[in-house]
Amino acid sequence: MTIGTSILLIAVGAILKWAVTAHVSGFNIQTAGVVLLVVGVIGLILSVFYAFYWGRRGATAVRDPRDRY
């Protein structure tokens, strides 16, 4: 899940939670919005952690330009 997908899930979840006032028999729209919000927040945290932590692991090694392969 990327950062953009996570933000999209958060936005859709917020809309379902706070903006939709319709009531459907057998399905709670507000609960679905909360689930999407939570999944989006967890995905955003993991995406940012992956992008900034694991993405920089290989960039810390400094090579001597005089070394040959």
PDB file of N, CA and C in Angstrom:
ATOM      1  N   MET A   1       0.853  -1.163   0.000  1.00  0.00           N
ATOM      2  CA  MET A   1       0.000   0.000   0.000  1.00  0.00           C
ATOM      3  C   MET A   1       0.903   1.232   0.000  1.00  0.00           C
ATOM      4  N   THR A   2       0.621   2.128  -0.895  1.00  0.00           N
ATOM      5  CA  THR A   2       1.440   3.328  -0.993  1.00  0.00           C
ATOM      6  C   THR A   2       0.829   4.464  -0.173  1.00  0.00           C
ATOM      7  N   ILE A   3       1.559   5.563  -0.116  1.00  0.00           N
ATOM      8  CA  ILE A   3       1.093   6.720   0.641  1.00  0.00           C
ATOM      9  C   ILE A   3      -0.182   7.288   0.021  1.00  0.00           C
ATOM     10  N   GLY A   4      -0.247   7.331  -1.287  1.00  0.00           N
ATOM     11  CA  GLY A   4      -1.434   7.856  -1.962  1.00  0.00           C
ATOM     12  C   GLY A   4      -2.670   7.007  -1.709  1.00  0.00           C
ATOM     13  N   THR A   5      -2.511   5.698  -1.737  1.00  0.00           N
ATOM     14  CA  THR A   5      -3.631   4.800  -1.447  1.00  0.00           C
ATOM     15  C   THR A   5      -4.109   4.967  -0.018  1.00  0.00           C
ATOM     16  N   SER A   6      -3.172   5.132   0.904  1.00  0.00           N
ATOM     17  CA  SER A   6      -3.536   5.322   2.302  1.00  0.00           C
ATOM     18  C   SER A   6      -4.314   6.620   2.505  1.00  0.00           C
ATOM     19  N   ILE A   7      -3.878   7.678   1.859  1.00  0.00           N
ATOM     20  CA  ILE A   7      -4.591   8.953   1.971  1.00  0.00           C
ATOM     21  C   ILE A   7      -5.981   8.849   1.352  1.00  0.00           C
ATOM     22  N   LEU A   8      -6.103   8.121   0.256  1.00  0.00           N
ATOM     23  CA  LEU A   8      -7.410   7.909  -0.356  1.00  0.00           C
ATOM     24  C   LEU A   8      -8.339   7.141   0.585  1.00  0.00           C
ATOM     25  N   LEU A   9      -7.842   6.102   1.231  1.00  0.00           N
ATOM     26  CA  LEU A   9      -8.658   5.346   2.182  1.00  0.00           C
ATOM     27  C   LEU A   9      -9.081   6.212   3.366  1.00  0.00           C
ATOM     28  N   ILE A  10      -8.177   7.050   3.838  1.00  0.00           N
ATOM     29  CA  ILE A  10      -8.515   7.950   4.944  1.00  0.00           C
ATOM     30  C   ILE A  10      -9.617   8.924   4.520  1.00  0.00           C
ATOM     31  N   ALA A  11      -9.503   9.463   3.319  1.00  0.00           N
ATOM     32  CA  ALA A  11     -10.507  10.419   2.833  1.00  0.00           C
ATOM     33  C   ALA A  11     -11.870   9.757   2.654  1.00  0.00           C
ATOM     34  N   VAL A  12     -11.895   8.587   2.051  1.00  0.00           N
ATOM     35  CA  VAL A  12     -13.168   7.888   1.852  1.00  0.00           C
ATOM     36  C   VAL A  12     -13.773   7.496   3.199  1.00  0.00           C
ATOM     37  N   GLY A  13     -12.933   7.032   4.123  1.00  0.00           N
ATOM     38  CA  GLY A  13     -13.424   6.686   5.452  1.00  0.00           C
ATOM     39  C   GLY A  13     -13.993   7.876   6.194  1.00  0.00           C
ATOM     40  N   ALA A  14     -13.341   9.027   6.071  1.00  0.00           N
ATOM     41  CA  ALA A  14     -13.838  10.233   6.734  1.00  0.00           C
ATOM     42  C   ALA A  14     -15.159  10.686   6.130  1.00  0.00           C
ATOM     43  N   ILE A  15     -15.284  10.569   4.830  1.00  0.00           N
ATOM     44  CA  ILE A  15     -16.542  10.945   4.180  1.00  0.00           C
ATOM     45  C   ILE A  15     -17.665  10.018   4.642  1.00  0.00           C
ATOM     46  N   LEU A  16     -17.393   8.724   4.675  1.00  0.00           N
ATOM     47  CA  LEU A  16     -18.424   7.785   5.115  1.00  0.00           C
ATOM     48  C   LEU A  16     -18.777   7.967   6.584  1.00  0.00           C
ATOM     49  N   LYS A  17     -17.807   8.322   7.394  1.00  0.00           N
ATOM     50  CA  LYS A  17     -18.047   8.464   8.824  1.00  0.00           C
ATOM     51  C   LYS A  17     -18.822   9.740   9.152  1.00  0.00           C
ATOM     52  N   TRP A  18     -18.411  10.871   8.584  1.00  0.00           N
ATOM     53  CA  TRP A  18     -18.962  12.142   9.032  1.00  0.00           C
ATOM     54  C   TRP A  18     -19.874  12.856   8.028  1.00  0.00           C
ATOM     55  N   ALA A  19     -19.825  12.501   6.756  1.00  0.00           N
ATOM     56  CA  ALA A  19     -20.595  13.255   5.778  1.00  0.00           C
ATOM     57  C   ALA A  19     -21.842  12.522   5.279  1.00  0.00           C
ATOM     58  N   VAL A  20     -21.845  11.220   5.321  1.00  0.00           N
ATOM     59  CA  VAL A  20     -22.990  10.465   4.815  1.00  0.00           C
ATOM     60  C   VAL A  20     -23.976  10.259   5.959  1.00  0.00           C
ATOM     61  N   THR A  21     -25.218  10.665   5.720  1.00  0.00           N
ATOM     62  CA  THR A  21     -26.242  10.533   6.767  1.00  0.00           C
ATOM     63  C   THR A  21     -27.306   9.503   6.405  1.00  0.00           C
ATOM     64  N   ALA A  22     -27.129   8.781   5.320  1.00  0.00           N
ATOM     65  CA  ALA A  22     -28.108   7.782   4.907  1.00  0.00           C
ATOM     66  C   ALA A  22     -28.045   6.569   5.822  1.00  0.00           C
ATOM     67  N   HIS A  23     -29.164   5.897   5.967  1.00  0.00           N
ATOM     68  CA  HIS A  23     -29.240   4.679   6.767  1.00  0.00           C
ATOM     69  C   HIS A  23     -29.652   3.530   5.859  1.00  0.00           C
ATOM     70  N   VAL A  24     -28.873   2.468   5.887  1.00  0.00           N
ATOM     71  CA  VAL A  24     -29.118   1.308   5.053  1.00  0.00           C
ATOM     72  C   VAL A  24     -29.432   0.135   5.966  1.00  0.00           C
ATOM     73  N   SER A  25     -30.411  -0.634   5.622  1.00  0.00           N
ATOM     74  CA  SER A  25     -30.789  -1.788   6.435  1.00  0.00           C
ATOM     75  C   SER A  25     -29.744  -2.890   6.317  1.00  0.00           C
ATOM     76  N   GLY A  26     -29.220  -3.330   7.449  1.00  0.00           N
ATOM     77  CA  GLY A  26     -28.259  -4.429   7.466  1.00  0.00           C
ATOM     78  C   GLY A  26     -26.811  -4.019   7.278  1.00  0.00           C
ATOM     79  N   PHE A  27     -26.540  -2.744   7.100  1.00  0.00           N
ATOM     80  CA  PHE A  27     -25.164  -2.290   6.860  1.00  0.00           C
ATOM     81  C   PHE A  27     -24.986  -0.916   7.499  1.00  0.00           C
ATOM     82  N   ASN A  28     -23.997  -0.779   8.355  1.00  0.00           N
ATOM     83  CA  ASN A  28     -23.738   0.493   9.021  1.00  0.00           C
ATOM     84  C   ASN A  28     -22.634   1.233   8.270  1.00  0.00           C
ATOM     85  N   ILE A  29     -23.013   2.304   7.617  1.00  0.00           N
ATOM     86  CA  ILE A  29     -22.066   3.066   6.796  1.00  0.00           C
ATOM     87  C   ILE A  29     -20.997   3.727   7.665  1.00  0.00           C
ATOM     88  N   GLN A  30     -21.355   4.210   8.834  1.00  0.00           N
ATOM     89  CA  GLN A  30     -20.390   4.867   9.712  1.00  0.00           C
ATOM     90  C   GLN A  30     -19.327   3.882  10.200  1.00  0.00           C
ATOM     91  N   THR A  31     -19.711   2.644  10.478  1.00  0.00           N
ATOM     92  CA  THR A  31     -18.735   1.634  10.893  1.00  0.00           C
ATOM     93  C   THR A  31     -17.766   1.311   9.756  1.00  0.00           C
ATOM     94  N   ALA A  32     -18.264   1.229   8.549  1.00  0.00           N
ATOM     95  CA  ALA A  32     -17.394   1.008   7.393  1.00  0.00           C
ATOM     96  C   ALA A  32     -16.419   2.171   7.222  1.00  0.00           C
ATOM     97  N   GLY A  33     -16.888   3.385   7.505  1.00  0.00           N
ATOM     98  CA  GLY A  33     -16.001   4.547   7.435  1.00  0.00           C
ATOM     99  C   GLY A  33     -14.895   4.486   8.463  1.00  0.00           C
ATOM    100  N   VAL A  34     -15.229   4.054   9.676  1.00  0.00           N
ATOM    101  CA  VAL A  34     -14.203   3.922  10.724  1.00  0.00           C
ATOM    102  C   VAL A  34     -13.184   2.860  10.346  1.00  0.00           C
ATOM    103  N   VAL A  35     -13.650   1.751   9.789  1.00  0.00           N
ATOM    104  CA  VAL A  35     -12.730   0.686   9.366  1.00  0.00           C
ATOM    105  C   VAL A  35     -11.784   1.197   8.290  1.00  0.00           C
ATOM    106  N   LEU A  36     -12.306   1.919   7.315  1.00  0.00           N
ATOM    107  CA  LEU A  36     -11.447   2.478   6.265  1.00  0.00           C
ATOM    108  C   LEU A  36     -10.466   3.503   6.823  1.00  0.00           C
ATOM    109  N   LEU A  37     -10.907   4.307   7.778  1.00  0.00           N
ATOM    110  CA  LEU A  37     -10.005   5.269   8.418  1.00  0.00           C
ATOM    111  C   LEU A  37      -8.849   4.552   9.117  1.00  0.00           C
ATOM    112  N   VAL A  38      -9.165   3.527   9.870  1.00  0.00           N
ATOM    113  CA  VAL A  38      -8.124   2.812  10.620  1.00  0.00           C
ATOM    114  C   VAL A  38      -7.157   2.117   9.670  1.00  0.00           C
ATOM    115  N   VAL A  39      -7.678   1.463   8.651  1.00  0.00           N
ATOM    116  CA  VAL A  39      -6.805   0.795   7.679  1.00  0.00           C
ATOM    117  C   VAL A  39      -5.934   1.815   6.950  1.00  0.00           C
ATOM    118  N   GLY A  40      -6.491   2.963   6.600  1.00  0.00           N
ATOM    119  CA  GLY A  40      -5.717   4.007   5.933  1.00  0.00           C
ATOM    120  C   GLY A  40      -4.624   4.580   6.811  1.00  0.00           C
ATOM    121  N   VAL A  41      -4.914   4.804   8.094  1.00  0.00           N
ATOM    122  CA  VAL A  41      -3.898   5.341   9.010  1.00  0.00           C
ATOM    123  C   VAL A  41      -2.772   4.331   9.219  1.00  0.00           C
ATOM    124  N   ILE A  42      -3.132   3.064   9.414  1.00  0.00           N
ATOM    125  CA  ILE A  42      -2.096   2.031   9.587  1.00  0.00           C
ATOM    126  C   ILE A  42      -1.257   1.909   8.320  1.00  0.00           C
ATOM    127  N   GLY A  43      -1.908   1.931   7.164  1.00  0.00           N
ATOM    128  CA  GLY A  43      -1.171   1.874   5.902  1.00  0.00           C
ATOM    129  C   GLY A  43      -0.269   3.074   5.696  1.00  0.00           C
ATOM    130  N   LEU A  44      -0.724   4.258   6.104  1.00  0.00           N
ATOM    131  CA  LEU A  44       0.097   5.460   5.981  1.00  0.00           C
ATOM    132  C   LEU A  44       1.323   5.387   6.874  1.00  0.00           C
ATOM    133  N   ILE A  45       1.135   4.925   8.098  1.00  0.00           N
ATOM    134  CA  ILE A  45       2.268   4.783   9.017  1.00  0.00           C
ATOM    135  C   ILE A  45       3.289   3.799   8.460  1.00  0.00           C
ATOM    136  N   LEU A  46       2.821   2.650   7.986  1.00  0.00           N
ATOM    137  CA  LEU A  46       3.742   1.651   7.433  1.00  0.00           C
ATOM    138  C   LEU A  46       4.416   2.149   6.157  1.00  0.00           C
ATOM    139  N   SER A  47       3.684   2.864   5.313  1.00  0.00           N
ATOM    140  CA  SER A  47       4.276   3.385   4.074  1.00  0.00           C
ATOM    141  C   SER A  47       5.352   4.424   4.350  1.00  0.00           C
ATOM    142  N   VAL A  48       5.079   5.330   5.275  1.00  0.00           N
ATOM    143  CA  VAL A  48       6.079   6.353   5.617  1.00  0.00           C
ATOM    144  C   VAL A  48       7.289   5.710   6.281  1.00  0.00           C
ATOM    145  N   PHE A  49       7.050   4.747   7.172  1.00  0.00           N
ATOM    146  CA  PHE A  49       8.161   4.051   7.815  1.00  0.00           C
ATOM    147  C   PHE A  49       9.005   3.324   6.775  1.00  0.00           C
ATOM    148  N   TYR A  50       8.350   2.647   5.846  1.00  0.00           N
ATOM    149  CA  TYR A  50       9.081   1.932   4.809  1.00  0.00           C
ATOM    150  C   TYR A  50       9.855   2.900   3.909  1.00  0.00           C
ATOM    151  N   ALA A  51       9.236   4.002   3.536  1.00  0.00           N
ATOM    152  CA  ALA A  51       9.880   4.941   2.615  1.00  0.00           C
ATOM    153  C   ALA A  51      11.100   5.611   3.243  1.00  0.00           C
ATOM    154  N   PHE A  52      11.016   5.970   4.515  1.00  0.00           N
ATOM    155  CA  PHE A  52      12.113   6.711   5.124  1.00  0.00           C
ATOM    156  C   PHE A  52      13.130   5.835   5.842  1.00  0.00           C
ATOM    157  N   TYR A  53      12.721   4.691   6.332  1.00  0.00           N
ATOM    158  CA  TYR A  53      13.671   3.852   7.062  1.00  0.00           C
ATOM    159  C   TYR A  53      14.357   2.861   6.139  1.00  0.00           C
ATOM    160  N   TRP A  54      13.568   2.009   5.486  1.00  0.00           N
ATOM    161  CA  TRP A  54      14.171   0.993   4.648  1.00  0.00           C
ATOM    162  C   TRP A  54      14.691   1.558   3.348  1.00  0.00           C
ATOM    163  N   GLY A  55      14.193   2.674   2.902  1.00  0.00           N
ATOM    164  CA  GLY A  55      14.665   3.271   1.663  1.00  0.00           C
ATOM    165  C   GLY A  55      16.051   3.876   1.790  1.00  0.00           C
ATOM    166  N   ARG A  56      16.451   4.224   2.986  1.00  0.00           N
ATOM    167  CA  ARG A  56      17.759   4.863   3.197  1.00  0.00           C
ATOM    168  C   ARG A  56      18.815   3.885   3.685  1.00  0.00           C
ATOM    169  N   ARG A  57      18.486   2.647   3.897  1.00  0.00           N
ATOM    170  CA  ARG A  57      19.455   1.696   4.427  1.00  0.00           C
ATOM    171  C   ARG A  57      20.633   1.500   3.481  1.00  0.00           C
ATOM    172  N   GLY A  58      20.370   1.430   2.182  1.00  0.00           N
ATOM    173  CA  GLY A  58      21.440   1.231   1.222  1.00  0.00           C
ATOM    174  C   GLY A  58      22.215   2.502   0.932  1.00  0.00           C
ATOM    175  N   ALA A  59      21.658   3.650   1.250  1.00  0.00           N
ATOM    176  CA  ALA A  59      22.306   4.923   0.933  1.00  0.00           C
ATOM    177  C   ALA A  59      23.356   5.315   1.969  1.00  0.00           C
ATOM    178  N   THR A  60      23.463   4.588   3.061  1.00  0.00           N
ATOM    179  CA  THR A  60      24.411   4.969   4.095  1.00  0.00           C
ATOM    180  C   THR A  60      25.824   4.478   3.803  1.00  0.00           C
ATOM    181  N   ALA A  61      25.964   3.498   2.924  1.00  0.00           N
ATOM    182  CA  ALA A  61      27.289   2.969   2.612  1.00  0.00           C
ATOM    183  C   ALA A  61      28.018   3.940   1.678  1.00  0.00           C
ATOM    184  N   VAL A  62      29.247   4.275   2.034  1.00  0.00           N
ATOM    185  CA  VAL A  62      30.061   5.174   1.234  1.00  0.00           C
ATOM    186  C   VAL A  62      31.203   4.359   0.641  1.00  0.00           C
ATOM    187  N   ARG A  63      31.342   4.435  -0.664  1.00  0.00           N
ATOM    188  CA  ARG A  63      32.396   3.697  -1.336  1.00  0.00           C
ATOM    189  C   ARG A  63      33.568   4.608  -1.655  1.00  0.00           C
ATOM    190  N   ASP A  64      34.707   4.020  -1.609  1.00  0.00           N
ATOM    191  CA  ASP A  64      35.917   4.715  -2.024  1.00  0.00           C
ATOM    192  C   ASP A  64      36.004   4.671  -3.535  1.00  0.00           C
ATOM    193  N   PRO A  65      36.072   5.806  -4.207  1.00  0.00           N
ATOM    194  CA  PRO A  65      36.082   5.774  -5.678  1.00  0.00           C
ATOM    195  C   PRO A  65      37.301   5.089  -6.264  1.00  0.00           C
ATOM    196  N   ARG A  66      38.341   4.882  -5.449  1.00  0.00           N
ATOM    197  CA  ARG A  66      39.547   4.204  -5.946  1.00  0.00           C
ATOM    198  C   ARG A  66      39.398   2.687  -5.951  1.00  0.00           C
ATOM    199  N   ASP A  67      38.361   2.162  -5.274  1.00  0.00           N
ATOM    200  CA  ASP A  67      38.161   0.718  -5.228  1.00  0.00           C
ATOM    201  C   ASP A  67      37.640   0.209  -6.562  1.00  0.00           C
ATOM    202  N   ARG A  68      38.185  -0.921  -6.966  1.00  0.00           N
ATOM    203  CA  ARG A  68      37.721  -1.586  -8.191  1.00  0.00           C
ATOM    204  C   ARG A  68      36.838  -2.765  -7.798  1.00  0.00           C
ATOM    205  N   TYR A  69      35.919  -3.110  -8.708  1.00  0.00           N
ATOM    206  CA  TYR A  69      35.033  -4.242  -8.432  1.00  0.00           C
ATOM    207  C   TYR A  69      35.737  -5.544  -8.701  1.00  0.00           C
TER     208      TYR A  69
END
